[in-house]
Every structure is written in structure tokens, then in C-alpha cells.
Protein backbone atom coordinates (compact mmCIF):
# COMPACT_ATOMS: atom_id res chain seq x y z
CA MET A 1 -23.75 2.14 -11.39
CA SER A 2 -26.54 2.06 -8.79
CA ILE A 3 -26.43 4.23 -5.68
CA ALA A 4 -26.04 1.11 -3.53
CA HIS A 5 -23.03 -0.02 -5.57
CA SER A 6 -21.55 3.47 -5.53
CA ASP A 7 -21.95 3.72 -1.75
CA ARG A 8 -20.40 0.29 -1.26
CA LEU A 9 -17.42 1.17 -3.45
CA ALA A 10 -16.93 4.52 -1.73
CA GLY A 11 -17.11 2.88 1.69
CA ALA A 12 -14.53 0.27 0.76
CA MET A 13 -12.23 2.97 -0.60
CA ARG A 14 -12.61 5.18 2.49
CA LYS A 15 -11.81 2.22 4.72
CA ALA A 16 -8.73 1.33 2.67
CA LEU A 17 -7.52 4.94 2.67
CA ALA A 18 -8.04 5.26 6.42
CA HIS A 19 -5.84 2.21 7.14
CA LEU A 20 -2.88 2.77 4.84
CA PRO A 21 0.56 1.63 6.00
CA GLY A 22 1.92 4.98 4.79
CA SER A 23 0.91 8.34 3.39
CA LEU A 24 -1.78 9.22 0.88
CA ASN A 25 0.94 10.90 -1.16
CA SER A 26 2.86 7.63 -1.45
CA LEU A 27 -0.26 5.80 -2.59
CA ALA A 28 -1.18 8.58 -5.02
CA LYS A 29 2.21 8.25 -6.73
CA ARG A 30 1.93 4.47 -6.99
CA ALA A 31 -1.68 4.64 -8.23
CA GLY A 32 -1.14 7.46 -10.73
CA VAL A 33 -3.80 9.68 -9.18
CA SER A 34 -3.61 12.97 -7.33
CA GLN A 35 -3.21 13.20 -3.59
CA THR A 36 -6.10 15.69 -3.59
CA LEU A 37 -8.37 13.11 -5.18
CA LEU A 38 -7.51 10.58 -2.46
CA TRP A 39 -8.12 13.17 0.28
CA GLN A 40 -11.51 14.01 -1.23
CA ILE A 41 -12.48 10.35 -1.43
CA ARG A 42 -11.33 9.71 2.12
CA ASP A 43 -13.26 12.73 3.39
CA GLY A 44 -16.39 11.74 1.46
CA SER A 45 -16.51 14.90 -0.65
CA ARG A 46 -15.80 13.02 -3.90
CA GLY A 47 -17.34 9.89 -5.33
CA VAL A 48 -15.42 6.87 -6.54
CA THR A 49 -15.65 5.37 -9.99
CA PRO A 50 -14.65 1.79 -10.78
CA ALA A 51 -11.73 3.18 -12.82
CA ILE A 52 -10.39 5.14 -9.85
CA ALA A 53 -10.88 2.14 -7.58
CA ALA A 54 -8.93 -0.03 -10.02
CA LYS A 55 -6.03 2.46 -10.09
CA VAL A 56 -5.93 2.66 -6.31
CA ALA A 57 -6.08 -1.13 -6.01
CA ALA A 58 -3.17 -1.46 -8.45
CA GLY A 59 -1.22 1.12 -6.44
CA LEU A 60 -1.86 -0.81 -3.23
CA GLU A 61 -0.71 -4.02 -4.90
CA ARG A 62 2.51 -2.33 -6.06
CA TRP A 63 3.04 -1.01 -2.55
CA GLY A 64 2.60 -4.52 -1.17
CA GLU A 65 5.06 -5.97 -3.67
CA GLU A 66 7.61 -3.27 -2.85
CA SER A 67 7.13 -3.87 0.88
CA ARG A 68 7.53 -7.62 0.45
CA ALA A 69 10.74 -7.17 -1.55
CA ALA A 70 12.12 -4.80 1.10
CA ALA A 71 11.24 -7.28 3.85
CA LEU A 72 13.03 -10.09 2.01
CA ARG A 73 16.15 -7.92 1.63
CA CYS A 74 16.12 -7.14 5.36
CA GLN A 75 15.68 -10.81 6.24
CA ALA A 76 18.58 -11.81 3.97
CA ALA A 77 20.83 -9.15 5.50
CA ALA A 78 19.93 -10.26 9.03
CA LYS A 79 20.69 -13.90 8.18
CA ALA A 80 24.05 -12.94 6.65
CA ILE A 81 25.01 -10.97 9.75
CA ARG A 82 23.98 -13.80 12.10
CA ARG A 83 26.03 -16.22 10.00
CA ALA A 84 29.05 -13.89 10.08
CA VAL A 85 28.79 -13.51 13.86
CA ARG A 86 28.58 -17.29 14.36
CA THR A 87 31.62 -17.77 12.08
CA GLN A 88 33.61 -15.18 14.05
CA ARG A 89 32.77 -17.04 17.27
CA GLY A 90 33.99 -20.28 15.73
CA ARG A 91 30.57 -21.82 15.22
CA PRO A 92 29.39 -23.03 11.83
């Protein structure tokens, strides 16, 4: 991998790690990598290989799927409660 490609990959990873919706530890577990590795990448003291980037990307995708499923459960619960309240008030 050329230096330009390596720098581009590292920059993309640092940006992703800086804007996580949660902790590095949570991502590390989902990606199957160590939290220390993610800290080193984020801080620029460790390079990124395409294999590591692929693991982190897969972890982010899993996180997104889990978040989407949780959001759908919350929406369904909110709808059920609104329906129950309307029924109690005598409205369909």
C-alpha cells in the first residue's frame, strides 16, 4: 500500500473514531479488536491496515444494526402506549 493510500485510510479511521456514537470499548468489542489498538489509531501512533479497517467497518455496521433494532423497539413501545391511552380515553 502506498504512503498516500495509507495516510488516506488512517485519516478516515481517525475521523470515524473521533465521531463515534459511543465508546471505543464498545466498538472494539463489536469489531473484535483491542481498545488499545483503537486508541493508538485515533491518536495517530499506530498505522491502519486494510484488514483492521475492514474489522472496524464491520463493527460499525453491527453497531448501526443494533441501534436501528433498538430504535424500532422503542417506536413500537411508544405506539402501543399511545394506543392504550387513546383506548382508555374512549377514542379508537
